[in-house]
Amino acid sequence: MMIFINCANPVDSPLYVDTGTCLNGEKSSNASLLMRSYVNVGGMKASDLMELCSLERMTLLPVKDYWNMPYKEIHSQLAYGFELSWHNSRCGSCAAYCSAEYRTVSSIKLS
């Protein structure tokens, strides 16, 4: 899982990978006025969220070891995408037809 985080203050933690200048290599002259952007890969506990930080979004990533990976590589993995698998376990005992559409699981029992 990848968690995007915005912080009002700089964070010095191995759980937070700085995303601010990793892709374009530039720094803003007003950097002290901006929110700082970080990403956490692999998950974190609520107690790991630093003061004046907020979670912006979360997404899935392909299964891989992301520890100590630079943001440029993490970004490439995110651009690659991920695969969602459908498991029939949500269908219970439906015998013939089961589908997922949007957030609804439907089953039709054929006799």
PDB file of N, CA and C in Angstrom:
ATOM      1  N   MET A   1       0.833  -1.167   0.000  1.00  0.00           N
ATOM      2  CA  MET A   1       0.000   0.000   0.000  1.00  0.00           C
ATOM      3  C   MET A   1       0.887   1.242   0.000  1.00  0.00           C
ATOM      4  N   MET A   2       0.456   2.248  -0.702  1.00  0.00           N
ATOM      5  CA  MET A   2       1.163   3.528  -0.758  1.00  0.00           C
ATOM      6  C   MET A   2       0.251   4.594  -0.163  1.00  0.00           C
ATOM      7  N   ILE A   3       0.788   5.362   0.779  1.00  0.00           N
ATOM      8  CA  ILE A   3       0.025   6.408   1.453  1.00  0.00           C
ATOM      9  C   ILE A   3       0.688   7.749   1.169  1.00  0.00           C
ATOM     10  N   PHE A   4      -0.055   8.672   0.556  1.00  0.00           N
ATOM     11  CA  PHE A   4       0.445  10.022   0.298  1.00  0.00           C
ATOM     12  C   PHE A   4       0.095  10.905   1.488  1.00  0.00           C
ATOM     13  N   ILE A   5       1.074  11.666   1.955  1.00  0.00           N
ATOM     14  CA  ILE A   5       0.943  12.450   3.179  1.00  0.00           C
ATOM     15  C   ILE A   5       1.416  13.875   2.914  1.00  0.00           C
ATOM     16  N   ASN A   6       0.677  14.863   3.406  1.00  0.00           N
ATOM     17  CA  ASN A   6       1.108  16.261   3.366  1.00  0.00           C
ATOM     18  C   ASN A   6       1.408  16.714   4.784  1.00  0.00           C
ATOM     19  N   CYS A   7       2.508  17.454   4.946  1.00  0.00           N
ATOM     20  CA  CYS A   7       2.913  17.935   6.272  1.00  0.00           C
ATOM     21  C   CYS A   7       3.261  19.416   6.202  1.00  0.00           C
ATOM     22  N   ALA A   8       2.920  20.138   7.256  1.00  0.00           N
ATOM     23  CA  ALA A   8       3.250  21.559   7.327  1.00  0.00           C
ATOM     24  C   ALA A   8       4.721  21.773   7.661  1.00  0.00           C
ATOM     25  N   ASN A   9       5.328  20.814   8.342  1.00  0.00           N
ATOM     26  CA  ASN A   9       6.734  20.915   8.742  1.00  0.00           C
ATOM     27  C   ASN A   9       7.541  19.781   8.119  1.00  0.00           C
ATOM     28  N   PRO A  10       8.852  19.969   7.976  1.00  0.00           N
ATOM     29  CA  PRO A  10       9.693  18.875   7.468  1.00  0.00           C
ATOM     30  C   PRO A  10       9.641  17.677   8.418  1.00  0.00           C
ATOM     31  N   VAL A  11       9.712  16.482   7.859  1.00  0.00           N
ATOM     32  CA  VAL A  11       9.682  15.248   8.647  1.00  0.00           C
ATOM     33  C   VAL A  11      10.975  14.491   8.394  1.00  0.00           C
ATOM     34  N   ASP A  12      11.601  14.053   9.467  1.00  0.00           N
ATOM     35  CA  ASP A  12      12.810  13.243   9.364  1.00  0.00           C
ATOM     36  C   ASP A  12      12.501  11.869   9.954  1.00  0.00           C
ATOM     37  N   SER A  13      12.002  10.979   9.106  1.00  0.00           N
ATOM     38  CA  SER A  13      11.618   9.638   9.541  1.00  0.00           C
ATOM     39  C   SER A  13      11.818   8.682   8.375  1.00  0.00           C
ATOM     40  N   PRO A  14      12.301   7.472   8.632  1.00  0.00           N
ATOM     41  CA  PRO A  14      12.461   6.500   7.548  1.00  0.00           C
ATOM     42  C   PRO A  14      11.122   6.037   6.976  1.00  0.00           C
ATOM     43  N   LEU A  15      10.012   6.307   7.673  1.00  0.00           N
ATOM     44  CA  LEU A  15       8.692   5.935   7.165  1.00  0.00           C
ATOM     45  C   LEU A  15       8.188   6.899   6.100  1.00  0.00           C
ATOM     46  N   TYR A  16       8.777   8.089   6.038  1.00  0.00           N
ATOM     47  CA  TYR A  16       8.325   9.137   5.122  1.00  0.00           C
ATOM     48  C   TYR A  16       9.372   9.343   4.030  1.00  0.00           C
ATOM     49  N   VAL A  17       8.979   9.116   2.779  1.00  0.00           N
ATOM     50  CA  VAL A  17       9.867   9.372   1.640  1.00  0.00           C
ATOM     51  C   VAL A  17       9.451  10.707   1.042  1.00  0.00           C
ATOM     52  N   ASP A  18      10.372  11.646   0.956  1.00  0.00           N
ATOM     53  CA  ASP A  18      10.087  12.981   0.421  1.00  0.00           C
ATOM     54  C   ASP A  18       9.810  12.881  -1.071  1.00  0.00           C
ATOM     55  N   THR A  19       8.676  13.429  -1.507  1.00  0.00           N
ATOM     56  CA  THR A  19       8.328  13.405  -2.932  1.00  0.00           C
ATOM     57  C   THR A  19       8.529  14.754  -3.593  1.00  0.00           C
ATOM     58  N   GLY A  20       8.817  15.783  -2.815  1.00  0.00           N
ATOM     59  CA  GLY A  20       8.845  17.159  -3.299  1.00  0.00           C
ATOM     60  C   GLY A  20       9.701  17.430  -4.511  1.00  0.00           C
ATOM     61  N   THR A  21      10.948  17.036  -4.494  1.00  0.00           N
ATOM     62  CA  THR A  21      11.851  17.392  -5.587  1.00  0.00           C
ATOM     63  C   THR A  21      12.429  16.172  -6.285  1.00  0.00           C
ATOM     64  N   CYS A  22      11.925  15.005  -5.979  1.00  0.00           N
ATOM     65  CA  CYS A  22      12.546  13.782  -6.500  1.00  0.00           C
ATOM     66  C   CYS A  22      12.343  13.583  -7.991  1.00  0.00           C
ATOM     67  N   LEU A  23      11.250  14.095  -8.547  1.00  0.00           N
ATOM     68  CA  LEU A  23      10.994  13.844  -9.961  1.00  0.00           C
ATOM     69  C   LEU A  23      11.553  14.926 -10.864  1.00  0.00           C
ATOM     70  N   ASN A  24      11.510  16.181 -10.431  1.00  0.00           N
ATOM     71  CA  ASN A  24      11.973  17.235 -11.330  1.00  0.00           C
ATOM     72  C   ASN A  24      13.271  17.889 -10.876  1.00  0.00           C
ATOM     73  N   GLY A  25      13.739  17.594  -9.683  1.00  0.00           N
ATOM     74  CA  GLY A  25      15.025  18.100  -9.218  1.00  0.00           C
ATOM     75  C   GLY A  25      15.059  19.582  -8.922  1.00  0.00           C
ATOM     76  N   GLU A  26      13.895  20.231  -8.844  1.00  0.00           N
ATOM     77  CA  GLU A  26      13.859  21.666  -8.602  1.00  0.00           C
ATOM     78  C   GLU A  26      13.306  21.956  -7.216  1.00  0.00           C
ATOM     79  N   LYS A  27      13.686  23.098  -6.680  1.00  0.00           N
ATOM     80  CA  LYS A  27      13.157  23.545  -5.398  1.00  0.00           C
ATOM     81  C   LYS A  27      12.505  24.903  -5.590  1.00  0.00           C
ATOM     82  N   SER A  28      11.432  25.123  -4.880  1.00  0.00           N
ATOM     83  CA  SER A  28      10.741  26.400  -4.944  1.00  0.00           C
ATOM     84  C   SER A  28      11.439  27.406  -4.034  1.00  0.00           C
ATOM     85  N   SER A  29      11.462  28.663  -4.452  1.00  0.00           N
ATOM     86  CA  SER A  29      12.064  29.689  -3.609  1.00  0.00           C
ATOM     87  C   SER A  29      11.195  29.953  -2.378  1.00  0.00           C
ATOM     88  N   ASN A  30       9.916  29.584  -2.446  1.00  0.00           N
ATOM     89  CA  ASN A  30       9.003  29.758  -1.320  1.00  0.00           C
ATOM     90  C   ASN A  30       8.710  28.422  -0.643  1.00  0.00           C
ATOM     91  N   ALA A  31       9.675  27.533  -0.600  1.00  0.00           N
ATOM     92  CA  ALA A  31       9.458  26.185  -0.066  1.00  0.00           C
ATOM     93  C   ALA A  31       8.967  26.206   1.374  1.00  0.00           C
ATOM     94  N   SER A  32       9.381  27.197   2.160  1.00  0.00           N
ATOM     95  CA  SER A  32       8.961  27.236   3.564  1.00  0.00           C
ATOM     96  C   SER A  32       7.472  27.537   3.707  1.00  0.00           C
ATOM     97  N   LEU A  33       6.836  28.081   2.669  1.00  0.00           N
ATOM     98  CA  LEU A  33       5.418  28.418   2.727  1.00  0.00           C
ATOM     99  C   LEU A  33       4.532  27.278   2.245  1.00  0.00           C
ATOM    100  N   LEU A  34       5.108  26.261   1.663  1.00  0.00           N
ATOM    101  CA  LEU A  34       4.338  25.187   1.053  1.00  0.00           C
ATOM    102  C   LEU A  34       4.213  23.989   1.973  1.00  0.00           C
ATOM    103  N   MET A  35       3.172  23.199   1.736  1.00  0.00           N
ATOM    104  CA  MET A  35       3.063  21.910   2.410  1.00  0.00           C
ATOM    105  C   MET A  35       4.117  20.995   1.808  1.00  0.00           C
ATOM    106  N   ARG A  36       4.661  20.137   2.612  1.00  0.00           N
ATOM    107  CA  ARG A  36       5.646  19.170   2.137  1.00  0.00           C
ATOM    108  C   ARG A  36       4.931  17.866   1.850  1.00  0.00           C
ATOM    109  N   SER A  37       5.317  17.245   0.760  1.00  0.00           N
ATOM    110  CA  SER A  37       4.667  16.021   0.313  1.00  0.00           C
ATOM    111  C   SER A  37       5.571  14.822   0.571  1.00  0.00           C
ATOM    112  N   TYR A  38       4.988  13.774   1.151  1.00  0.00           N
ATOM    113  CA  TYR A  38       5.722  12.546   1.451  1.00  0.00           C
ATOM    114  C   TYR A  38       4.886  11.355   1.011  1.00  0.00           C
ATOM    115  N   VAL A  39       5.547  10.213   0.928  1.00  0.00           N
ATOM    116  CA  VAL A  39       4.840   8.966   0.666  1.00  0.00           C
ATOM    117  C   VAL A  39       5.361   7.917   1.637  1.00  0.00           C
ATOM    118  N   ASN A  40       4.454   7.078   2.088  1.00  0.00           N
ATOM    119  CA  ASN A  40       4.817   5.933   2.919  1.00  0.00           C
ATOM    120  C   ASN A  40       4.452   4.693   2.122  1.00  0.00           C
ATOM    121  N   VAL A  41       5.366   3.762   2.046  1.00  0.00           N
ATOM    122  CA  VAL A  41       5.108   2.525   1.318  1.00  0.00           C
ATOM    123  C   VAL A  41       5.182   1.371   2.304  1.00  0.00           C
ATOM    124  N   GLY A  42       4.186   0.537   2.296  1.00  0.00           N
ATOM    125  CA  GLY A  42       4.189  -0.632   3.163  1.00  0.00           C
ATOM    126  C   GLY A  42       3.298  -0.498   4.377  1.00  0.00           C
ATOM    127  N   GLY A  43       2.727   0.667   4.577  1.00  0.00           N
ATOM    128  CA  GLY A  43       1.807   0.859   5.685  1.00  0.00           C
ATOM    129  C   GLY A  43       2.451   1.480   6.905  1.00  0.00           C
ATOM    130  N   MET A  44       1.607   2.021   7.746  1.00  0.00           N
ATOM    131  CA  MET A  44       2.055   2.644   8.978  1.00  0.00           C
ATOM    132  C   MET A  44       0.910   2.623   9.976  1.00  0.00           C
ATOM    133  N   LYS A  45       1.224   2.794  11.237  1.00  0.00           N
ATOM    134  CA  LYS A  45       0.207   2.865  12.286  1.00  0.00           C
ATOM    135  C   LYS A  45      -0.255   4.315  12.420  1.00  0.00           C
ATOM    136  N   ALA A  46      -1.432   4.500  12.976  1.00  0.00           N
ATOM    137  CA  ALA A  46      -1.946   5.856  13.195  1.00  0.00           C
ATOM    138  C   ALA A  46      -0.981   6.662  14.054  1.00  0.00           C
ATOM    139  N   SER A  47      -0.321   6.015  14.990  1.00  0.00           N
ATOM    140  CA  SER A  47       0.628   6.723  15.862  1.00  0.00           C
ATOM    141  C   SER A  47       1.882   7.172  15.117  1.00  0.00           C
ATOM    142  N   ASP A  48       2.110   6.651  13.894  1.00  0.00           N
ATOM    143  CA  ASP A  48       3.263   7.059  13.088  1.00  0.00           C
ATOM    144  C   ASP A  48       3.014   8.367  12.338  1.00  0.00           C
ATOM    145  N   LEU A  49       1.764   8.828  12.306  1.00  0.00           N
ATOM    146  CA  LEU A  49       1.447  10.083  11.622  1.00  0.00           C
ATOM    147  C   LEU A  49       1.959  11.238  12.471  1.00  0.00           C
ATOM    148  N   MET A  50       2.847  12.039  11.887  1.00  0.00           N
ATOM    149  CA  MET A  50       3.488  13.139  12.611  1.00  0.00           C
ATOM    150  C   MET A  50       2.510  14.303  12.798  1.00  0.00           C
ATOM    151  N   GLU A  51       2.839  15.185  13.749  1.00  0.00           N
ATOM    152  CA  GLU A  51       2.024  16.373  13.988  1.00  0.00           C
ATOM    153  C   GLU A  51       1.977  17.243  12.741  1.00  0.00           C
ATOM    154  N   LEU A  52       0.838  17.868  12.528  1.00  0.00           N
ATOM    155  CA  LEU A  52       0.597  18.769  11.398  1.00  0.00           C
ATOM    156  C   LEU A  52       0.735  18.060  10.058  1.00  0.00           C
ATOM    157  N   CYS A  53       0.461  16.755  10.033  1.00  0.00           N
ATOM    158  CA  CYS A  53       0.460  15.975   8.794  1.00  0.00           C
ATOM    159  C   CYS A  53      -0.941  15.424   8.560  1.00  0.00           C
ATOM    160  N   SER A  54      -1.297  15.243   7.299  1.00  0.00           N
ATOM    161  CA  SER A  54      -2.598  14.666   6.965  1.00  0.00           C
ATOM    162  C   SER A  54      -2.441  13.657   5.838  1.00  0.00           C
ATOM    163  N   LEU A  55      -3.258  12.618   5.889  1.00  0.00           N
ATOM    164  CA  LEU A  55      -3.271  11.623   4.818  1.00  0.00           C
ATOM    165  C   LEU A  55      -4.065  12.202   3.663  1.00  0.00           C
ATOM    166  N   GLU A  56      -3.498  12.174   2.485  1.00  0.00           N
ATOM    167  CA  GLU A  56      -4.179  12.721   1.316  1.00  0.00           C
ATOM    168  C   GLU A  56      -4.865  11.641   0.498  1.00  0.00           C
ATOM    169  N   ARG A  57      -4.184  10.523   0.277  1.00  0.00           N
ATOM    170  CA  ARG A  57      -4.776   9.411  -0.474  1.00  0.00           C
ATOM    171  C   ARG A  57      -3.972   8.154  -0.240  1.00  0.00           C
ATOM    172  N   MET A  58      -4.605   7.033  -0.547  1.00  0.00           N
ATOM    173  CA  MET A  58      -3.945   5.733  -0.414  1.00  0.00           C
ATOM    174  C   MET A  58      -4.231   4.935  -1.681  1.00  0.00           C
ATOM    175  N   THR A  59      -3.279   4.107  -2.073  1.00  0.00           N
ATOM    176  CA  THR A  59      -3.473   3.264  -3.248  1.00  0.00           C
ATOM    177  C   THR A  59      -2.717   1.953  -3.064  1.00  0.00           C
ATOM    178  N   LEU A  60      -3.066   0.993  -3.872  1.00  0.00           N
ATOM    179  CA  LEU A  60      -2.390  -0.296  -3.846  1.00  0.00           C
ATOM    180  C   LEU A  60      -1.175  -0.268  -4.751  1.00  0.00           C
ATOM    181  N   LEU A  61      -0.240  -1.137  -4.485  1.00  0.00           N
ATOM    182  CA  LEU A  61       0.954  -1.309  -5.315  1.00  0.00           C
ATOM    183  C   LEU A  61       1.170  -2.792  -5.559  1.00  0.00           C
ATOM    184  N   PRO A  62       1.864  -3.141  -6.629  1.00  0.00           N
ATOM    185  CA  PRO A  62       2.220  -4.553  -6.805  1.00  0.00           C
ATOM    186  C   PRO A  62       3.067  -5.023  -5.625  1.00  0.00           C
ATOM    187  N   VAL A  63       2.947  -6.293  -5.293  1.00  0.00           N
ATOM    188  CA  VAL A  63       3.714  -6.848  -4.174  1.00  0.00           C
ATOM    189  C   VAL A  63       5.200  -6.797  -4.508  1.00  0.00           C
ATOM    190  N   LYS A  64       5.963  -6.133  -3.656  1.00  0.00           N
ATOM    191  CA  LYS A  64       7.394  -5.955  -3.879  1.00  0.00           C
ATOM    192  C   LYS A  64       8.000  -5.369  -2.608  1.00  0.00           C
ATOM    193  N   ASP A  65       9.291  -5.500  -2.453  1.00  0.00           N
ATOM    194  CA  ASP A  65       9.972  -4.894  -1.307  1.00  0.00           C
ATOM    195  C   ASP A  65      10.351  -3.459  -1.670  1.00  0.00           C
ATOM    196  N   TYR A  66       9.697  -2.480  -1.051  1.00  0.00           N
ATOM    197  CA  TYR A  66       9.923  -1.070  -1.360  1.00  0.00           C
ATOM    198  C   TYR A  66      10.812  -0.380  -0.340  1.00  0.00           C
ATOM    199  N   TRP A  67      11.334  -1.113   0.638  1.00  0.00           N
ATOM    200  CA  TRP A  67      12.134  -0.503   1.696  1.00  0.00           C
ATOM    201  C   TRP A  67      13.362   0.182   1.109  1.00  0.00           C
ATOM    202  N   ASN A  68      13.618   1.415   1.476  1.00  0.00           N
ATOM    203  CA  ASN A  68      14.752   2.226   1.014  1.00  0.00           C
ATOM    204  C   ASN A  68      14.758   2.465  -0.491  1.00  0.00           C
ATOM    205  N   MET A  69      13.608   2.401  -1.125  1.00  0.00           N
ATOM    206  CA  MET A  69      13.513   2.660  -2.557  1.00  0.00           C
ATOM    207  C   MET A  69      13.305   4.165  -2.767  1.00  0.00           C
ATOM    208  N   PRO A  70      14.037   4.782  -3.686  1.00  0.00           N
ATOM    209  CA  PRO A  70      13.844   6.220  -3.932  1.00  0.00           C
ATOM    210  C   PRO A  70      12.467   6.484  -4.547  1.00  0.00           C
ATOM    211  N   TYR A  71      11.950   7.697  -4.346  1.00  0.00           N
ATOM    212  CA  TYR A  71      10.610   8.010  -4.823  1.00  0.00           C
ATOM    213  C   TYR A  71      10.488   7.870  -6.335  1.00  0.00           C
ATOM    214  N   LYS A  72      11.533   8.163  -7.069  1.00  0.00           N
ATOM    215  CA  LYS A  72      11.457   8.044  -8.528  1.00  0.00           C
ATOM    216  C   LYS A  72      11.093   6.614  -8.932  1.00  0.00           C
ATOM    217  N   GLU A  73      11.658   5.620  -8.253  1.00  0.00           N
ATOM    218  CA  GLU A  73      11.339   4.219  -8.535  1.00  0.00           C
ATOM    219  C   GLU A  73       9.926   3.871  -8.057  1.00  0.00           C
ATOM    220  N   ILE A  74       9.536   4.393  -6.897  1.00  0.00           N
ATOM    221  CA  ILE A  74       8.173   4.166  -6.405  1.00  0.00           C
ATOM    222  C   ILE A  74       7.172   4.744  -7.397  1.00  0.00           C
ATOM    223  N   HIS A  75       7.452   5.936  -7.908  1.00  0.00           N
ATOM    224  CA  HIS A  75       6.582   6.576  -8.899  1.00  0.00           C
ATOM    225  C   HIS A  75       6.455   5.714 -10.148  1.00  0.00           C
ATOM    226  N   SER A  76       7.559   5.144 -10.600  1.00  0.00           N
ATOM    227  CA  SER A  76       7.529   4.260 -11.771  1.00  0.00           C
ATOM    228  C   SER A  76       6.642   3.049 -11.514  1.00  0.00           C
ATOM    229  N   GLN A  77       6.727   2.483 -10.314  1.00  0.00           N
ATOM    230  CA  GLN A  77       5.879   1.340  -9.972  1.00  0.00           C
ATOM    231  C   GLN A  77       4.407   1.743  -9.966  1.00  0.00           C
ATOM    232  N   LEU A  78       4.102   2.923  -9.460  1.00  0.00           N
ATOM    233  CA  LEU A  78       2.729   3.400  -9.436  1.00  0.00           C
ATOM    234  C   LEU A  78       2.214   3.628 -10.851  1.00  0.00           C
ATOM    235  N   ALA A  79       3.056   4.172 -11.722  1.00  0.00           N
ATOM    236  CA  ALA A  79       2.667   4.397 -13.111  1.00  0.00           C
ATOM    237  C   ALA A  79       2.415   3.078 -13.838  1.00  0.00           C
ATOM    238  N   TYR A  80       3.119   2.025 -13.416  1.00  0.00           N
ATOM    239  CA  TYR A  80       2.935   0.703 -14.013  1.00  0.00           C
ATOM    240  C   TYR A  80       1.535   0.170 -13.723  1.00  0.00           C
ATOM    241  N   GLY A  81       1.014   0.481 -12.553  1.00  0.00           N
ATOM    242  CA  GLY A  81      -0.326   0.030 -12.191  1.00  0.00           C
ATOM    243  C   GLY A  81      -0.301  -1.188 -11.300  1.00  0.00           C
ATOM    244  N   PHE A  82      -1.470  -1.743 -11.068  1.00  0.00           N
ATOM    245  CA  PHE A  82      -1.600  -2.927 -10.229  1.00  0.00           C
ATOM    246  C   PHE A  82      -2.771  -3.758 -10.720  1.00  0.00           C
ATOM    247  N   GLU A  83      -2.810  -4.984 -10.299  1.00  0.00           N
ATOM    248  CA  GLU A  83      -3.843  -5.923 -10.725  1.00  0.00           C
ATOM    249  C   GLU A  83      -4.819  -6.168  -9.583  1.00  0.00           C
ATOM    250  N   LEU A  84      -6.100  -6.105  -9.900  1.00  0.00           N
ATOM    251  CA  LEU A  84      -7.132  -6.458  -8.934  1.00  0.00           C
ATOM    252  C   LEU A  84      -7.644  -7.845  -9.278  1.00  0.00           C
ATOM    253  N   SER A  85      -7.756  -8.690  -8.296  1.00  0.00           N
ATOM    254  CA  SER A  85      -8.272 -10.038  -8.508  1.00  0.00           C
ATOM    255  C   SER A  85      -9.651 -10.154  -7.885  1.00  0.00           C
ATOM    256  N   TRP A  86     -10.519 -10.854  -8.571  1.00  0.00           N
ATOM    257  CA  TRP A  86     -11.852 -11.093  -8.050  1.00  0.00           C
ATOM    258  C   TRP A  86     -11.898 -12.506  -7.503  1.00  0.00           C
ATOM    259  N   HIS A  87     -12.316 -12.643  -6.259  1.00  0.00           N
ATOM    260  CA  HIS A  87     -12.438 -13.953  -5.637  1.00  0.00           C
ATOM    261  C   HIS A  87     -13.912 -14.244  -5.385  1.00  0.00           C
ATOM    262  N   ASN A  88     -14.340 -15.417  -5.741  1.00  0.00           N
ATOM    263  CA  ASN A  88     -15.745 -15.784  -5.589  1.00  0.00           C
ATOM    264  C   ASN A  88     -16.177 -15.979  -4.144  1.00  0.00           C
ATOM    265  N   SER A  89     -15.292 -15.824  -3.205  1.00  0.00           N
ATOM    266  CA  SER A  89     -15.651 -16.027  -1.802  1.00  0.00           C
ATOM    267  C   SER A  89     -16.732 -15.052  -1.338  1.00  0.00           C
ATOM    268  N   ARG A  90     -16.855 -13.896  -1.971  1.00  0.00           N
ATOM    269  CA  ARG A  90     -17.885 -12.922  -1.598  1.00  0.00           C
ATOM    270  C   ARG A  90     -19.268 -13.348  -2.063  1.00  0.00           C
ATOM    271  N   CYS A  91     -19.321 -14.352  -2.923  1.00  0.00           N
ATOM    272  CA  CYS A  91     -20.598 -14.759  -3.505  1.00  0.00           C
ATOM    273  C   CYS A  91     -21.341 -15.773  -2.655  1.00  0.00           C
ATOM    274  N   GLY A  92     -20.727 -16.253  -1.608  1.00  0.00           N
ATOM    275  CA  GLY A  92     -21.400 -17.234  -0.769  1.00  0.00           C
ATOM    276  C   GLY A  92     -21.605 -18.539  -1.506  1.00  0.00           C
ATOM    277  N   SER A  93     -22.822 -19.003  -1.508  1.00  0.00           N
ATOM    278  CA  SER A  93     -23.092 -20.312  -2.117  1.00  0.00           C
ATOM    279  C   SER A  93     -23.755 -20.189  -3.478  1.00  0.00           C
ATOM    280  N   CYS A  94     -23.585 -19.088  -4.172  1.00  0.00           N
ATOM    281  CA  CYS A  94     -24.211 -18.971  -5.488  1.00  0.00           C
ATOM    282  C   CYS A  94     -23.628 -20.033  -6.415  1.00  0.00           C
ATOM    283  N   ALA A  95     -24.492 -20.714  -7.113  1.00  0.00           N
ATOM    284  CA  ALA A  95     -24.068 -21.885  -7.878  1.00  0.00           C
ATOM    285  C   ALA A  95     -23.502 -21.540  -9.246  1.00  0.00           C
ATOM    286  N   ALA A  96     -24.049 -20.536  -9.890  1.00  0.00           N
ATOM    287  CA  ALA A  96     -23.665 -20.376 -11.283  1.00  0.00           C
ATOM    288  C   ALA A  96     -23.093 -19.016 -11.641  1.00  0.00           C
ATOM    289  N   TYR A  97     -23.694 -17.963 -11.173  1.00  0.00           N
ATOM    290  CA  TYR A  97     -23.300 -16.647 -11.658  1.00  0.00           C
ATOM    291  C   TYR A  97     -23.061 -15.698 -10.487  1.00  0.00           C
ATOM    292  N   CYS A  98     -21.960 -15.020 -10.527  1.00  0.00           N
ATOM    293  CA  CYS A  98     -21.647 -14.043  -9.486  1.00  0.00           C
ATOM    294  C   CYS A  98     -20.828 -12.935 -10.133  1.00  0.00           C
ATOM    295  N   SER A  99     -21.139 -11.667  -9.846  1.00  0.00           N
ATOM    296  CA  SER A  99     -20.374 -10.579 -10.457  1.00  0.00           C
ATOM    297  C   SER A  99     -20.230  -9.422  -9.483  1.00  0.00           C
ATOM    298  N   ALA A 100     -19.259  -8.587  -9.756  1.00  0.00           N
ATOM    299  CA  ALA A 100     -19.064  -7.373  -8.969  1.00  0.00           C
ATOM    300  C   ALA A 100     -19.155  -6.192  -9.911  1.00  0.00           C
ATOM    301  N   GLU A 101     -20.013  -5.247  -9.577  1.00  0.00           N
ATOM    302  CA  GLU A 101     -20.136  -4.045 -10.381  1.00  0.00           C
ATOM    303  C   GLU A 101     -20.167  -2.867  -9.430  1.00  0.00           C
ATOM    304  N   TYR A 102     -19.256  -1.949  -9.639  1.00  0.00           N
ATOM    305  CA  TYR A 102     -19.078  -0.817  -8.748  1.00  0.00           C
ATOM    306  C   TYR A 102     -18.835  -1.337  -7.338  1.00  0.00           C
ATOM    307  N   ARG A 103     -19.693  -1.025  -6.391  1.00  0.00           N
ATOM    308  CA  ARG A 103     -19.494  -1.483  -5.011  1.00  0.00           C
ATOM    309  C   ARG A 103     -20.521  -2.537  -4.608  1.00  0.00           C
ATOM    310  N   THR A 104     -21.199  -3.125  -5.586  1.00  0.00           N
ATOM    311  CA  THR A 104     -22.256  -4.082  -5.310  1.00  0.00           C
ATOM    312  C   THR A 104     -21.860  -5.457  -5.804  1.00  0.00           C
ATOM    313  N   VAL A 105     -22.056  -6.460  -4.971  1.00  0.00           N
ATOM    314  CA  VAL A 105     -21.842  -7.847  -5.375  1.00  0.00           C
ATOM    315  C   VAL A 105     -23.207  -8.441  -5.642  1.00  0.00           C
ATOM    316  N   SER A 106     -23.393  -9.015  -6.836  1.00  0.00           N
ATOM    317  CA  SER A 106     -24.668  -9.608  -7.214  1.00  0.00           C
ATOM    318  C   SER A 106     -24.491 -11.085  -7.474  1.00  0.00           C
ATOM    319  N   SER A 107     -25.495 -11.845  -7.146  1.00  0.00           N
ATOM    320  CA  SER A 107     -25.462 -13.262  -7.487  1.00  0.00           C
ATOM    321  C   SER A 107     -26.830 -13.687  -7.984  1.00  0.00           C
ATOM    322  N   ILE A 108     -26.825 -14.518  -8.988  1.00  0.00           N
ATOM    323  CA  ILE A 108     -28.048 -15.077  -9.551  1.00  0.00           C
ATOM    324  C   ILE A 108     -27.901 -16.585  -9.495  1.00  0.00           C
ATOM    325  N   LYS A 109     -28.836 -17.229  -8.816  1.00  0.00           N
ATOM    326  CA  LYS A 109     -28.784 -18.684  -8.715  1.00  0.00           C
ATOM    327  C   LYS A 109     -29.565 -19.266  -9.874  1.00  0.00           C
ATOM    328  N   LEU A 110     -28.884 -20.024 -10.678  1.00  0.00           N
ATOM    329  CA  LEU A 110     -29.515 -20.666 -11.823  1.00  0.00           C
ATOM    330  C   LEU A 110     -29.934 -22.070 -11.430  1.00  0.00           C
ATOM    331  N   SER A 111     -31.172 -22.455 -11.822  1.00  0.00           N
ATOM    332  CA  SER A 111     -31.589 -23.810 -11.487  1.00  0.00           C
ATOM    333  C   SER A 111     -31.573 -24.708 -12.694  1.00  0.00           C
TER     334      SER A 111
END
